């Protein structure tokens, strides 16, 4: 899935769905970080962590944009 499609999919979700997805990603990130500390193969785990962090940042940006729009309307 390309970045643009991913962002469009996220924008189509409600705030509650985005928050729930963000919480799931944070749990996954915690699991990945603990497995990175214990496993020998770090490249795959680190890549998944980077992807999860970026996805969390995208969700937080969308939520912030929506919050700003509500404030100025």
PDB file of N, CA and C in Angstrom:
ATOM      1  N   UNK A   1       0.850  -1.169   0.000  1.00  0.00           N
ATOM      2  CA  UNK A   1       0.000   0.000   0.000  1.00  0.00           C
ATOM      3  C   UNK A   1       0.899   1.238   0.000  1.00  0.00           C
ATOM      4  N   UNK A   2       0.586   2.148  -0.885  1.00  0.00           N
ATOM      5  CA  UNK A   2       1.380   3.368  -0.990  1.00  0.00           C
ATOM      6  C   UNK A   2       0.998   4.340   0.110  1.00  0.00           C
ATOM      7  N   UNK A   3       1.892   5.298   0.348  1.00  0.00           N
ATOM      8  CA  UNK A   3       1.689   6.272   1.418  1.00  0.00           C
ATOM      9  C   UNK A   3       0.397   7.056   1.244  1.00  0.00           C
ATOM     10  N   UNK A   4       0.154   7.504   0.025  1.00  0.00           N
ATOM     11  CA  UNK A   4      -1.031   8.326  -0.226  1.00  0.00           C
ATOM     12  C   UNK A   4      -2.310   7.538   0.057  1.00  0.00           C
ATOM     13  N   UNK A   5      -2.335   6.276  -0.370  1.00  0.00           N
ATOM     14  CA  UNK A   5      -3.504   5.442  -0.113  1.00  0.00           C
ATOM     15  C   UNK A   5      -3.678   5.193   1.381  1.00  0.00           C
ATOM     16  N   UNK A   6      -2.560   5.004   2.069  1.00  0.00           N
ATOM     17  CA  UNK A   6      -2.595   4.764   3.504  1.00  0.00           C
ATOM     18  C   UNK A   6      -3.159   5.980   4.233  1.00  0.00           C
ATOM     19  N   UNK A   7      -2.725   7.163   3.835  1.00  0.00           N
ATOM     20  CA  UNK A   7      -3.199   8.391   4.476  1.00  0.00           C
ATOM     21  C   UNK A   7      -4.684   8.605   4.184  1.00  0.00           C
ATOM     22  N   UNK A   8      -5.106   8.339   2.964  1.00  0.00           N
ATOM     23  CA  UNK A   8      -6.516   8.477   2.618  1.00  0.00           C
ATOM     24  C   UNK A   8      -7.373   7.517   3.428  1.00  0.00           C
ATOM     25  N   UNK A   9      -6.869   6.304   3.628  1.00  0.00           N
ATOM     26  CA  UNK A   9      -7.601   5.327   4.435  1.00  0.00           C
ATOM     27  C   UNK A   9      -7.711   5.799   5.885  1.00  0.00           C
ATOM     28  N   UNK A  10      -6.626   6.356   6.407  1.00  0.00           N
ATOM     29  CA  UNK A  10      -6.658   6.865   7.775  1.00  0.00           C
ATOM     30  C   UNK A  10      -7.613   8.045   7.899  1.00  0.00           C
ATOM     31  N   UNK A  11      -7.615   8.925   6.921  1.00  0.00           N
ATOM     32  CA  UNK A  11      -8.492  10.100   6.968  1.00  0.00           C
ATOM     33  C   UNK A  11      -9.971   9.719   6.901  1.00  0.00           C
ATOM     34  N   UNK A  12     -10.268   8.569   6.321  1.00  0.00           N
ATOM     35  CA  UNK A  12     -11.661   8.146   6.214  1.00  0.00           C
ATOM     36  C   UNK A  12     -12.193   7.569   7.528  1.00  0.00           C
ATOM     37  N   UNK A  13     -11.304   7.294   8.487  1.00  0.00           N
ATOM     38  CA  UNK A  13     -11.724   6.729   9.760  1.00  0.00           C
ATOM     39  C   UNK A  13     -12.159   7.832  10.716  1.00  0.00           C
ATOM     40  N   UNK A  14     -12.971   7.445  11.694  1.00  0.00           N
ATOM     41  CA  UNK A  14     -13.416   8.402  12.709  1.00  0.00           C
ATOM     42  C   UNK A  14     -12.309   8.592  13.749  1.00  0.00           C
ATOM     43  N   UNK A  15     -12.475   9.602  14.586  1.00  0.00           N
ATOM     44  CA  UNK A  15     -11.481   9.876  15.623  1.00  0.00           C
ATOM     45  C   UNK A  15     -11.332   8.702  16.589  1.00  0.00           C
ATOM     46  N   UNK A  16     -12.444   8.076  16.941  1.00  0.00           N
ATOM     47  CA  UNK A  16     -12.391   6.930  17.853  1.00  0.00           C
ATOM     48  C   UNK A  16     -11.625   5.769  17.230  1.00  0.00           C
ATOM     49  N   UNK A  17     -11.881   5.522  15.958  1.00  0.00           N
ATOM     50  CA  UNK A  17     -11.166   4.446  15.268  1.00  0.00           C
ATOM     51  C   UNK A  17      -9.672   4.741  15.183  1.00  0.00           C
ATOM     52  N   UNK A  18      -9.337   6.000  14.927  1.00  0.00           N
ATOM     53  CA  UNK A  18      -7.927   6.384  14.859  1.00  0.00           C
ATOM     54  C   UNK A  18      -7.238   6.215  16.212  1.00  0.00           C
ATOM     55  N   UNK A  19      -7.904   6.615  17.278  1.00  0.00           N
ATOM     56  CA  UNK A  19      -7.321   6.462  18.613  1.00  0.00           C
ATOM     57  C   UNK A  19      -7.134   4.986  18.961  1.00  0.00           C
ATOM     58  N   UNK A  20      -8.096   4.179  18.597  1.00  0.00           N
ATOM     59  CA  UNK A  20      -7.991   2.749  18.853  1.00  0.00           C
ATOM     60  C   UNK A  20      -6.831   2.146  18.058  1.00  0.00           C
ATOM     61  N   UNK A  21      -6.701   2.543  16.800  1.00  0.00           N
ATOM     62  CA  UNK A  21      -5.612   2.052  15.954  1.00  0.00           C
ATOM     63  C   UNK A  21      -4.255   2.501  16.504  1.00  0.00           C
ATOM     64  N   UNK A  22      -4.190   3.736  16.992  1.00  0.00           N
ATOM     65  CA  UNK A  22      -2.960   4.265  17.574  1.00  0.00           C
ATOM     66  C   UNK A  22      -2.568   3.459  18.813  1.00  0.00           C
ATOM     67  N   UNK A  23      -3.545   3.124  19.644  1.00  0.00           N
ATOM     68  CA  UNK A  23      -3.265   2.332  20.841  1.00  0.00           C
ATOM     69  C   UNK A  23      -2.750   0.938  20.477  1.00  0.00           C
ATOM     70  N   UNK A  24      -3.332   0.343  19.442  1.00  0.00           N
ATOM     71  CA  UNK A  24      -2.866  -0.966  18.980  1.00  0.00           C
ATOM     72  C   UNK A  24      -1.425  -0.883  18.489  1.00  0.00           C
ATOM     73  N   UNK A  25      -1.123   0.168  17.743  1.00  0.00           N
ATOM     74  CA  UNK A  25       0.239   0.339  17.238  1.00  0.00           C
ATOM     75  C   UNK A  25       1.239   0.551  18.376  1.00  0.00           C
ATOM     76  N   UNK A  26       0.830   1.266  19.405  1.00  0.00           N
ATOM     77  CA  UNK A  26       1.713   1.488  20.545  1.00  0.00           C
ATOM     78  C   UNK A  26       1.999   0.181  21.273  1.00  0.00           C
ATOM     79  N   UNK A  27       0.965  -0.671  21.399  1.00  0.00           N
ATOM     80  CA  UNK A  27       1.190  -1.983  22.010  1.00  0.00           C
ATOM     81  C   UNK A  27       2.137  -2.818  21.159  1.00  0.00           C
ATOM     82  N   UNK A  28       1.940  -2.788  19.835  1.00  0.00           N
ATOM     83  CA  UNK A  28       2.821  -3.513  18.926  1.00  0.00           C
ATOM     84  C   UNK A  28       4.253  -2.988  19.027  1.00  0.00           C
ATOM     85  N   UNK A  29       4.389  -1.682  19.129  1.00  0.00           N
ATOM     86  CA  UNK A  29       5.708  -1.068  19.239  1.00  0.00           C
ATOM     87  C   UNK A  29       6.413  -1.517  20.516  1.00  0.00           C
ATOM     88  N   UNK A  30       5.675  -1.609  21.603  1.00  0.00           N
ATOM     89  CA  UNK A  30       6.251  -2.082  22.857  1.00  0.00           C
ATOM     90  C   UNK A  30       6.724  -3.530  22.709  1.00  0.00           C
ATOM     91  N   UNK A  31       5.904  -4.360  22.098  1.00  0.00           N
ATOM     92  CA  UNK A  31       6.268  -5.763  21.879  1.00  0.00           C
ATOM     93  C   UNK A  31       7.502  -5.863  20.999  1.00  0.00           C
ATOM     94  N   UNK A  32       7.527  -5.056  19.933  1.00  0.00           N
ATOM     95  CA  UNK A  32       8.679  -5.073  19.032  1.00  0.00           C
ATOM     96  C   UNK A  32       9.950  -4.605  19.732  1.00  0.00           C
ATOM     97  N   UNK A  33       9.838  -3.585  20.566  1.00  0.00           N
ATOM     98  CA  UNK A  33      11.034  -3.082  21.234  1.00  0.00           C
ATOM     99  C   UNK A  33      11.582  -4.111  22.226  1.00  0.00           C
ATOM    100  N   UNK A  34      10.704  -4.824  22.897  1.00  0.00           N
ATOM    101  CA  UNK A  34      11.188  -5.848  23.816  1.00  0.00           C
ATOM    102  C   UNK A  34      11.785  -7.027  23.063  1.00  0.00           C
ATOM    103  N   UNK A  35      11.224  -7.357  21.896  1.00  0.00           N
ATOM    104  CA  UNK A  35      11.804  -8.452  21.114  1.00  0.00           C
ATOM    105  C   UNK A  35      13.114  -8.027  20.459  1.00  0.00           C
ATOM    106  N   UNK A  36      13.260  -6.756  20.149  1.00  0.00           N
ATOM    107  CA  UNK A  36      14.517  -6.266  19.575  1.00  0.00           C
ATOM    108  C   UNK A  36      15.635  -6.358  20.598  1.00  0.00           C
ATOM    109  N   UNK A  37      15.298  -6.157  21.851  1.00  0.00           N
ATOM    110  CA  UNK A  37      16.308  -6.214  22.903  1.00  0.00           C
ATOM    111  C   UNK A  37      16.764  -7.645  23.161  1.00  0.00           C
ATOM    112  N   UNK A  38      15.903  -8.624  22.884  1.00  0.00           N
ATOM    113  CA  UNK A  38      16.245 -10.006  23.206  1.00  0.00           C
ATOM    114  C   UNK A  38      16.635 -10.847  21.998  1.00  0.00           C
ATOM    115  N   UNK A  39      16.210 -10.446  20.809  1.00  0.00           N
ATOM    116  CA  UNK A  39      16.466 -11.291  19.642  1.00  0.00           C
ATOM    117  C   UNK A  39      17.795 -10.950  18.987  1.00  0.00           C
ATOM    118  N   UNK A  40      18.283 -11.882  18.218  1.00  0.00           N
ATOM    119  CA  UNK A  40      19.535 -11.663  17.503  1.00  0.00           C
ATOM    120  C   UNK A  40      19.330 -10.929  16.196  1.00  0.00           C
ATOM    121  N   UNK A  41      18.179 -11.135  15.574  1.00  0.00           N
ATOM    122  CA  UNK A  41      17.894 -10.483  14.289  1.00  0.00           C
ATOM    123  C   UNK A  41      17.195  -9.158  14.553  1.00  0.00           C
ATOM    124  N   UNK A  42      17.928  -8.072  14.409  1.00  0.00           N
ATOM    125  CA  UNK A  42      17.368  -6.765  14.740  1.00  0.00           C
ATOM    126  C   UNK A  42      16.888  -5.990  13.522  1.00  0.00           C
ATOM    127  N   UNK A  43      17.435  -6.289  12.342  1.00  0.00           N
ATOM    128  CA  UNK A  43      17.083  -5.467  11.177  1.00  0.00           C
ATOM    129  C   UNK A  43      15.595  -5.503  10.877  1.00  0.00           C
ATOM    130  N   UNK A  44      15.003  -6.686  10.854  1.00  0.00           N
ATOM    131  CA  UNK A  44      13.578  -6.803  10.564  1.00  0.00           C
ATOM    132  C   UNK A  44      12.722  -6.156  11.627  1.00  0.00           C
ATOM    133  N   UNK A  45      13.120  -6.331  12.864  1.00  0.00           N
ATOM    134  CA  UNK A  45      12.369  -5.767  13.985  1.00  0.00           C
ATOM    135  C   UNK A  45      12.475  -4.247  13.979  1.00  0.00           C
ATOM    136  N   UNK A  46      13.668  -3.735  13.718  1.00  0.00           N
ATOM    137  CA  UNK A  46      13.851  -2.283  13.695  1.00  0.00           C
ATOM    138  C   UNK A  46      13.065  -1.637  12.559  1.00  0.00           C
ATOM    139  N   UNK A  47      12.973  -2.321  11.440  1.00  0.00           N
ATOM    140  CA  UNK A  47      12.194  -1.794  10.315  1.00  0.00           C
ATOM    141  C   UNK A  47      10.714  -1.724  10.687  1.00  0.00           C
ATOM    142  N   UNK A  48      10.215  -2.777  11.332  1.00  0.00           N
ATOM    143  CA  UNK A  48       8.813  -2.778  11.759  1.00  0.00           C
ATOM    144  C   UNK A  48       8.557  -1.693  12.795  1.00  0.00           C
ATOM    145  N   UNK A  49       9.536  -1.462  13.669  1.00  0.00           N
ATOM    146  CA  UNK A  49       9.391  -0.390  14.666  1.00  0.00           C
ATOM    147  C   UNK A  49       9.319   0.973  13.994  1.00  0.00           C
ATOM    148  N   UNK A  50      10.164   1.188  13.009  1.00  0.00           N
ATOM    149  CA  UNK A  50      10.176   2.464  12.288  1.00  0.00           C
ATOM    150  C   UNK A  50       8.839   2.693  11.587  1.00  0.00           C
ATOM    151  N   UNK A  51       8.298   1.651  10.977  1.00  0.00           N
ATOM    152  CA  UNK A  51       7.008   1.759  10.292  1.00  0.00           C
ATOM    153  C   UNK A  51       5.902   2.084  11.287  1.00  0.00           C
ATOM    154  N   UNK A  52       5.920   1.417  12.440  1.00  0.00           N
ATOM    155  CA  UNK A  52       4.894   1.667  13.458  1.00  0.00           C
ATOM    156  C   UNK A  52       4.974   3.098  13.985  1.00  0.00           C
ATOM    157  N   UNK A  53       6.197   3.589  14.222  1.00  0.00           N
ATOM    158  CA  UNK A  53       6.365   4.967  14.707  1.00  0.00           C
ATOM    159  C   UNK A  53       5.829   5.979  13.700  1.00  0.00           C
ATOM    160  N   UNK A  54       6.105   5.738  12.436  1.00  0.00           N
ATOM    161  CA  UNK A  54       5.620   6.663  11.405  1.00  0.00           C
ATOM    162  C   UNK A  54       4.097   6.624  11.305  1.00  0.00           C
ATOM    163  N   UNK A  55       3.536   5.438  11.429  1.00  0.00           N
ATOM    164  CA  UNK A  55       2.078   5.304  11.375  1.00  0.00           C
ATOM    165  C   UNK A  55       1.436   6.037  12.560  1.00  0.00           C
ATOM    166  N   UNK A  56       2.026   5.911  13.734  1.00  0.00           N
ATOM    167  CA  UNK A  56       1.523   6.622  14.908  1.00  0.00           C
ATOM    168  C   UNK A  56       1.598   8.130  14.677  1.00  0.00           C
ATOM    169  N   UNK A  57       2.698   8.591  14.103  1.00  0.00           N
ATOM    170  CA  UNK A  57       2.853  10.022  13.825  1.00  0.00           C
ATOM    171  C   UNK A  57       1.813  10.503  12.818  1.00  0.00           C
ATOM    172  N   UNK A  58       1.533   9.711  11.805  1.00  0.00           N
ATOM    173  CA  UNK A  58       0.502  10.080  10.822  1.00  0.00           C
ATOM    174  C   UNK A  58      -0.858  10.212  11.488  1.00  0.00           C
ATOM    175  N   UNK A  59      -1.190   9.255  12.347  1.00  0.00           N
ATOM    176  CA  UNK A  59      -2.481   9.286  13.039  1.00  0.00           C
ATOM    177  C   UNK A  59      -2.564  10.516  13.937  1.00  0.00           C
ATOM    178  N   UNK A  60      -1.514  10.785  14.671  1.00  0.00           N
ATOM    179  CA  UNK A  60      -1.521  11.947  15.556  1.00  0.00           C
ATOM    180  C   UNK A  60      -1.635  13.244  14.766  1.00  0.00           C
ATOM    181  N   UNK A  61      -1.016  13.307  13.600  1.00  0.00           N
ATOM    182  CA  UNK A  61      -1.120  14.500  12.750  1.00  0.00           C
ATOM    183  C   UNK A  61      -2.546  14.695  12.277  1.00  0.00           C
ATOM    184  N   UNK A  62      -3.188  13.629  11.845  1.00  0.00           N
ATOM    185  CA  UNK A  62      -4.577  13.718  11.368  1.00  0.00           C
ATOM    186  C   UNK A  62      -5.489  14.157  12.512  1.00  0.00           C
ATOM    187  N   UNK A  63      -5.302  13.586  13.691  1.00  0.00           N
ATOM    188  CA  UNK A  63      -6.122  13.982  14.840  1.00  0.00           C
ATOM    189  C   UNK A  63      -5.909  15.452  15.195  1.00  0.00           C
ATOM    190  N   UNK A  64      -4.677  15.905  15.126  1.00  0.00           N
ATOM    191  CA  UNK A  64      -4.369  17.312  15.430  1.00  0.00           C
ATOM    192  C   UNK A  64      -4.988  18.244  14.386  1.00  0.00           C
ATOM    193  N   UNK A  65      -4.922  17.858  13.114  1.00  0.00           N
ATOM    194  CA  UNK A  65      -5.529  18.677  12.058  1.00  0.00           C
ATOM    195  C   UNK A  65      -7.031  18.817  12.284  1.00  0.00           C
ATOM    196  N   UNK A  66      -7.673  17.715  12.651  1.00  0.00           N
ATOM    197  CA  UNK A  66      -9.116  17.747  12.891  1.00  0.00           C
ATOM    198  C   UNK A  66      -9.438  18.628  14.093  1.00  0.00           C
ATOM    199  N   UNK A  67      -8.603  18.548  15.125  1.00  0.00           N
ATOM    200  CA  UNK A  67      -8.800  19.360  16.314  1.00  0.00           C
ATOM    201  C   UNK A  67      -8.665  20.845  15.979  1.00  0.00           C
ATOM    202  N   UNK A  68      -7.671  21.175  15.170  1.00  0.00           N
ATOM    203  CA  UNK A  68      -7.466  22.566  14.773  1.00  0.00           C
ATOM    204  C   UNK A  68      -8.643  23.064  13.928  1.00  0.00           C
ATOM    205  N   UNK A  69      -9.148  22.236  13.038  1.00  0.00           N
ATOM    206  CA  UNK A  69     -10.301  22.651  12.218  1.00  0.00           C
ATOM    207  C   UNK A  69     -11.515  22.932  13.088  1.00  0.00           C
ATOM    208  N   UNK A  70     -11.734  22.117  14.114  1.00  0.00           N
ATOM    209  CA  UNK A  70     -12.875  22.332  15.006  1.00  0.00           C
ATOM    210  C   UNK A  70     -12.708  23.621  15.786  1.00  0.00           C
ATOM    211  N   UNK A  71     -11.493  23.946  16.178  1.00  0.00           N
ATOM    212  CA  UNK A  71     -11.268  25.160  16.952  1.00  0.00           C
ATOM    213  C   UNK A  71     -11.538  26.424  16.137  1.00  0.00           C
ATOM    214  N   UNK A  72     -11.227  26.392  14.873  1.00  0.00           N
ATOM    215  CA  UNK A  72     -11.355  27.596  14.045  1.00  0.00           C
ATOM    216  C   UNK A  72     -12.677  27.687  13.306  1.00  0.00           C
ATOM    217  N   UNK A  73     -13.578  26.787  13.571  1.00  0.00           N
ATOM    218  CA  UNK A  73     -14.887  26.870  12.910  1.00  0.00           C
ATOM    219  C   UNK A  73     -15.959  27.321  13.838  1.00  0.00           C
TER     220      UNK A  73
END
